[in-house]
Amino acid sequence: MARFIDDLTGAIYDFIKFITKSVCYLFAGMLIVGVPFYLITIAFKMFN
């Protein structure tokens, strides 16, 4: 029974680690892509 609980907690930990890493990559990608596009739109608004 202890081995089952250990395996179950390991699987839950791996799942939460995967979700956390995926969300972090998503936010990093949004920052890397979004901030330059936002600055470009500000530049176009100023010179329009």
PDB file of N, CA and C in Angstrom:
ATOM      1  N   MET A   1       0.825  -1.205   0.000  1.00  0.00           N
ATOM      2  CA  MET A   1       0.000   0.000   0.000  1.00  0.00           C
ATOM      3  C   MET A   1       0.862   1.259   0.000  1.00  0.00           C
ATOM      4  N   ALA A   2       1.975   1.226   0.731  1.00  0.00           N
ATOM      5  CA  ALA A   2       2.845   2.398   0.794  1.00  0.00           C
ATOM      6  C   ALA A   2       3.468   2.684  -0.567  1.00  0.00           C
ATOM      7  N   ARG A   3       3.788   1.612  -1.302  1.00  0.00           N
ATOM      8  CA  ARG A   3       4.373   1.812  -2.632  1.00  0.00           C
ATOM      9  C   ARG A   3       3.358   2.448  -3.583  1.00  0.00           C
ATOM     10  N   PHE A   4       2.081   2.045  -3.478  1.00  0.00           N
ATOM     11  CA  PHE A   4       1.034   2.633  -4.318  1.00  0.00           C
ATOM     12  C   PHE A   4       0.889   4.117  -4.033  1.00  0.00           C
ATOM     13  N   ILE A   5       0.874   4.482  -2.751  1.00  0.00           N
ATOM     14  CA  ILE A   5       0.739   5.895  -2.382  1.00  0.00           C
ATOM     15  C   ILE A   5       1.955   6.680  -2.860  1.00  0.00           C
ATOM     16  N   ASP A   6       3.145   6.074  -2.764  1.00  0.00           N
ATOM     17  CA  ASP A   6       4.360   6.739  -3.239  1.00  0.00           C
ATOM     18  C   ASP A   6       4.299   6.961  -4.749  1.00  0.00           C
ATOM     19  N   ASP A   7       3.848   5.944  -5.485  1.00  0.00           N
ATOM     20  CA  ASP A   7       3.715   6.088  -6.939  1.00  0.00           C
ATOM     21  C   ASP A   7       2.656   7.126  -7.301  1.00  0.00           C
ATOM     22  N   LEU A   8       1.555   7.127  -6.561  1.00  0.00           N
ATOM     23  CA  LEU A   8       0.485   8.086  -6.832  1.00  0.00           C
ATOM     24  C   LEU A   8       0.953   9.517  -6.580  1.00  0.00           C
ATOM     25  N   THR A   9       1.642   9.755  -5.467  1.00  0.00           N
ATOM     26  CA  THR A   9       2.140  11.106  -5.200  1.00  0.00           C
ATOM     27  C   THR A   9       3.200  11.509  -6.223  1.00  0.00           C
ATOM     28  N   GLY A  10       3.999  10.555  -6.682  1.00  0.00           N
ATOM     29  CA  GLY A  10       4.977  10.859  -7.731  1.00  0.00           C
ATOM     30  C   GLY A  10       4.309  11.253  -9.034  1.00  0.00           C
ATOM     31  N   ALA A  11       3.229  10.561  -9.379  1.00  0.00           N
ATOM     32  CA  ALA A  11       2.505  10.893 -10.610  1.00  0.00           C
ATOM     33  C   ALA A  11       1.840  12.261 -10.498  1.00  0.00           C
ATOM     34  N   ILE A  12       1.259  12.550  -9.349  1.00  0.00           N
ATOM     35  CA  ILE A  12       0.639  13.866  -9.149  1.00  0.00           C
ATOM     36  C   ILE A  12       1.696  14.963  -9.207  1.00  0.00           C
ATOM     37  N   TYR A  13       2.852  14.716  -8.592  1.00  0.00           N
ATOM     38  CA  TYR A  13       3.944  15.696  -8.623  1.00  0.00           C
ATOM     39  C   TYR A  13       4.411  15.945 -10.050  1.00  0.00           C
ATOM     40  N   ASP A  14       4.584  14.871 -10.832  1.00  0.00           N
ATOM     41  CA  ASP A  14       5.015  15.039 -12.225  1.00  0.00           C
ATOM     42  C   ASP A  14       3.991  15.814 -13.040  1.00  0.00           C
ATOM     43  N   PHE A  15       2.695  15.551 -12.812  1.00  0.00           N
ATOM     44  CA  PHE A  15       1.643  16.257 -13.536  1.00  0.00           C
ATOM     45  C   PHE A  15       1.647  17.741 -13.191  1.00  0.00           C
ATOM     46  N   ILE A  16       1.740  18.062 -11.915  1.00  0.00           N
ATOM     47  CA  ILE A  16       1.754  19.467 -11.497  1.00  0.00           C
ATOM     48  C   ILE A  16       3.019  20.167 -12.006  1.00  0.00           C
ATOM     49  N   LYS A  17       4.136  19.464 -11.997  1.00  0.00           N
ATOM     50  CA  LYS A  17       5.382  20.036 -12.524  1.00  0.00           C
ATOM     51  C   LYS A  17       5.248  20.329 -14.025  1.00  0.00           C
ATOM     52  N   PHE A  18       4.621  19.412 -14.773  1.00  0.00           N
ATOM     53  CA  PHE A  18       4.407  19.614 -16.209  1.00  0.00           C
ATOM     54  C   PHE A  18       3.507  20.816 -16.470  1.00  0.00           C
ATOM     55  N   ILE A  19       2.397  20.932 -15.729  1.00  0.00           N
ATOM     56  CA  ILE A  19       1.470  22.046 -15.911  1.00  0.00           C
ATOM     57  C   ILE A  19       2.153  23.370 -15.574  1.00  0.00           C
ATOM     58  N   THR A  20       2.904  23.395 -14.477  1.00  0.00           N
ATOM     59  CA  THR A  20       3.603  24.615 -14.077  1.00  0.00           C
ATOM     60  C   THR A  20       4.624  25.038 -15.125  1.00  0.00           C
ATOM     61  N   LYS A  21       5.391  24.078 -15.624  1.00  0.00           N
ATOM     62  CA  LYS A  21       6.395  24.400 -16.640  1.00  0.00           C
ATOM     63  C   LYS A  21       5.734  24.892 -17.926  1.00  0.00           C
ATOM     64  N   SER A  22       4.606  24.286 -18.300  1.00  0.00           N
ATOM     65  CA  SER A  22       3.901  24.703 -19.510  1.00  0.00           C
ATOM     66  C   SER A  22       3.370  26.125 -19.385  1.00  0.00           C
ATOM     67  N   VAL A  23       2.810  26.455 -18.225  1.00  0.00           N
ATOM     68  CA  VAL A  23       2.283  27.804 -18.016  1.00  0.00           C
ATOM     69  C   VAL A  23       3.426  28.823 -18.023  1.00  0.00           C
ATOM     70  N   CYS A  24       4.562  28.462 -17.437  1.00  0.00           N
ATOM     71  CA  CYS A  24       5.705  29.379 -17.432  1.00  0.00           C
ATOM     72  C   CYS A  24       6.224  29.623 -18.854  1.00  0.00           C
ATOM     73  N   TYR A  25       6.294  28.565 -19.658  1.00  0.00           N
ATOM     74  CA  TYR A  25       6.721  28.738 -21.049  1.00  0.00           C
ATOM     75  C   TYR A  25       5.714  29.585 -21.828  1.00  0.00           C
ATOM     76  N   LEU A  26       4.438  29.403 -21.552  1.00  0.00           N
ATOM     77  CA  LEU A  26       3.412  30.206 -22.219  1.00  0.00           C
ATOM     78  C   LEU A  26       3.579  31.682 -21.887  1.00  0.00           C
ATOM     79  N   PHE A  27       3.738  32.007 -20.585  1.00  0.00           N
ATOM     80  CA  PHE A  27       3.914  33.399 -20.186  1.00  0.00           C
ATOM     81  C   PHE A  27       5.205  33.988 -20.748  1.00  0.00           C
ATOM     82  N   ALA A  28       6.283  33.207 -20.758  1.00  0.00           N
ATOM     83  CA  ALA A  28       7.545  33.693 -21.309  1.00  0.00           C
ATOM     84  C   ALA A  28       7.400  33.975 -22.804  1.00  0.00           C
ATOM     85  N   GLY A  29       6.727  33.101 -23.513  1.00  0.00           N
ATOM     86  CA  GLY A  29       6.502  33.325 -24.940  1.00  0.00           C
ATOM     87  C   GLY A  29       5.639  34.541 -25.198  1.00  0.00           C
ATOM     88  N   MET A  30       4.619  34.733 -24.351  1.00  0.00           N
ATOM     89  CA  MET A  30       3.782  35.916 -24.516  1.00  0.00           C
ATOM     90  C   MET A  30       4.584  37.184 -24.258  1.00  0.00           C
ATOM     91  N   LEU A  31       5.474  37.161 -23.291  1.00  0.00           N
ATOM     92  CA  LEU A  31       6.304  38.338 -23.032  1.00  0.00           C
ATOM     93  C   LEU A  31       7.286  38.584 -24.167  1.00  0.00           C
ATOM     94  N   ILE A  32       7.924  37.521 -24.647  1.00  0.00           N
ATOM     95  CA  ILE A  32       8.924  37.680 -25.704  1.00  0.00           C
ATOM     96  C   ILE A  32       8.277  38.184 -26.986  1.00  0.00           C
ATOM     97  N   VAL A  33       7.079  37.728 -27.303  1.00  0.00           N
ATOM     98  CA  VAL A  33       6.418  38.130 -28.538  1.00  0.00           C
ATOM     99  C   VAL A  33       5.592  39.397 -28.333  1.00  0.00           C
ATOM    100  N   GLY A  34       4.902  39.500 -27.205  1.00  0.00           N
ATOM    101  CA  GLY A  34       3.950  40.581 -26.991  1.00  0.00           C
ATOM    102  C   GLY A  34       4.587  41.929 -26.749  1.00  0.00           C
ATOM    103  N   VAL A  35       5.639  41.982 -25.962  1.00  0.00           N
ATOM    104  CA  VAL A  35       6.254  43.276 -25.629  1.00  0.00           C
ATOM    105  C   VAL A  35       6.821  43.971 -26.872  1.00  0.00           C
ATOM    106  N   PRO A  36       7.582  43.298 -27.732  1.00  0.00           N
ATOM    107  CA  PRO A  36       8.042  43.996 -28.945  1.00  0.00           C
ATOM    108  C   PRO A  36       6.904  44.461 -29.848  1.00  0.00           C
ATOM    109  N   PHE A  37       5.848  43.636 -29.998  1.00  0.00           N
ATOM    110  CA  PHE A  37       4.714  44.062 -30.818  1.00  0.00           C
ATOM    111  C   PHE A  37       4.018  45.271 -30.214  1.00  0.00           C
ATOM    112  N   TYR A  38       3.899  45.292 -28.886  1.00  0.00           N
ATOM    113  CA  TYR A  38       3.294  46.436 -28.218  1.00  0.00           C
ATOM    114  C   TYR A  38       4.129  47.695 -28.439  1.00  0.00           C
ATOM    115  N   LEU A  39       5.440  47.573 -28.342  1.00  0.00           N
ATOM    116  CA  LEU A  39       6.318  48.729 -28.576  1.00  0.00           C
ATOM    117  C   LEU A  39       6.257  49.187 -30.025  1.00  0.00           C
ATOM    118  N   ILE A  40       6.132  48.242 -30.959  1.00  0.00           N
ATOM    119  CA  ILE A  40       6.026  48.609 -32.373  1.00  0.00           C
ATOM    120  C   ILE A  40       4.723  49.371 -32.623  1.00  0.00           C
ATOM    121  N   THR A  41       3.626  48.925 -32.001  1.00  0.00           N
ATOM    122  CA  THR A  41       2.359  49.637 -32.195  1.00  0.00           C
ATOM    123  C   THR A  41       2.422  51.049 -31.596  1.00  0.00           C
ATOM    124  N   ILE A  42       3.090  51.206 -30.466  1.00  0.00           N
ATOM    125  CA  ILE A  42       3.255  52.540 -29.887  1.00  0.00           C
ATOM    126  C   ILE A  42       4.066  53.430 -30.831  1.00  0.00           C
ATOM    127  N   ALA A  43       5.110  52.859 -31.426  1.00  0.00           N
ATOM    128  CA  ALA A  43       5.929  53.625 -32.364  1.00  0.00           C
ATOM    129  C   ALA A  43       5.104  54.043 -33.591  1.00  0.00           C
ATOM    130  N   PHE A  44       4.269  53.151 -34.116  1.00  0.00           N
ATOM    131  CA  PHE A  44       3.447  53.494 -35.263  1.00  0.00           C
ATOM    132  C   PHE A  44       2.388  54.543 -34.906  1.00  0.00           C
ATOM    133  N   LYS A  45       1.868  54.491 -33.686  1.00  0.00           N
ATOM    134  CA  LYS A  45       0.901  55.503 -33.274  1.00  0.00           C
ATOM    135  C   LYS A  45       1.558  56.883 -33.158  1.00  0.00           C
ATOM    136  N   MET A  46       2.796  56.918 -32.695  1.00  0.00           N
ATOM    137  CA  MET A  46       3.484  58.209 -32.526  1.00  0.00           C
ATOM    138  C   MET A  46       3.803  58.842 -33.874  1.00  0.00           C
ATOM    139  N   PHE A  47       4.190  58.037 -34.860  1.00  0.00           N
ATOM    140  CA  PHE A  47       4.615  58.588 -36.136  1.00  0.00           C
ATOM    141  C   PHE A  47       3.508  58.584 -37.175  1.00  0.00           C
ATOM    142  N   ASN A  48       2.308  58.319 -36.798  1.00  0.00           N
ATOM    143  CA  ASN A  48       1.213  58.290 -37.758  1.00  0.00           C
ATOM    144  C   ASN A  48       0.535  59.649 -37.843  1.00  0.00           C
TER     145      ASN A  48
END
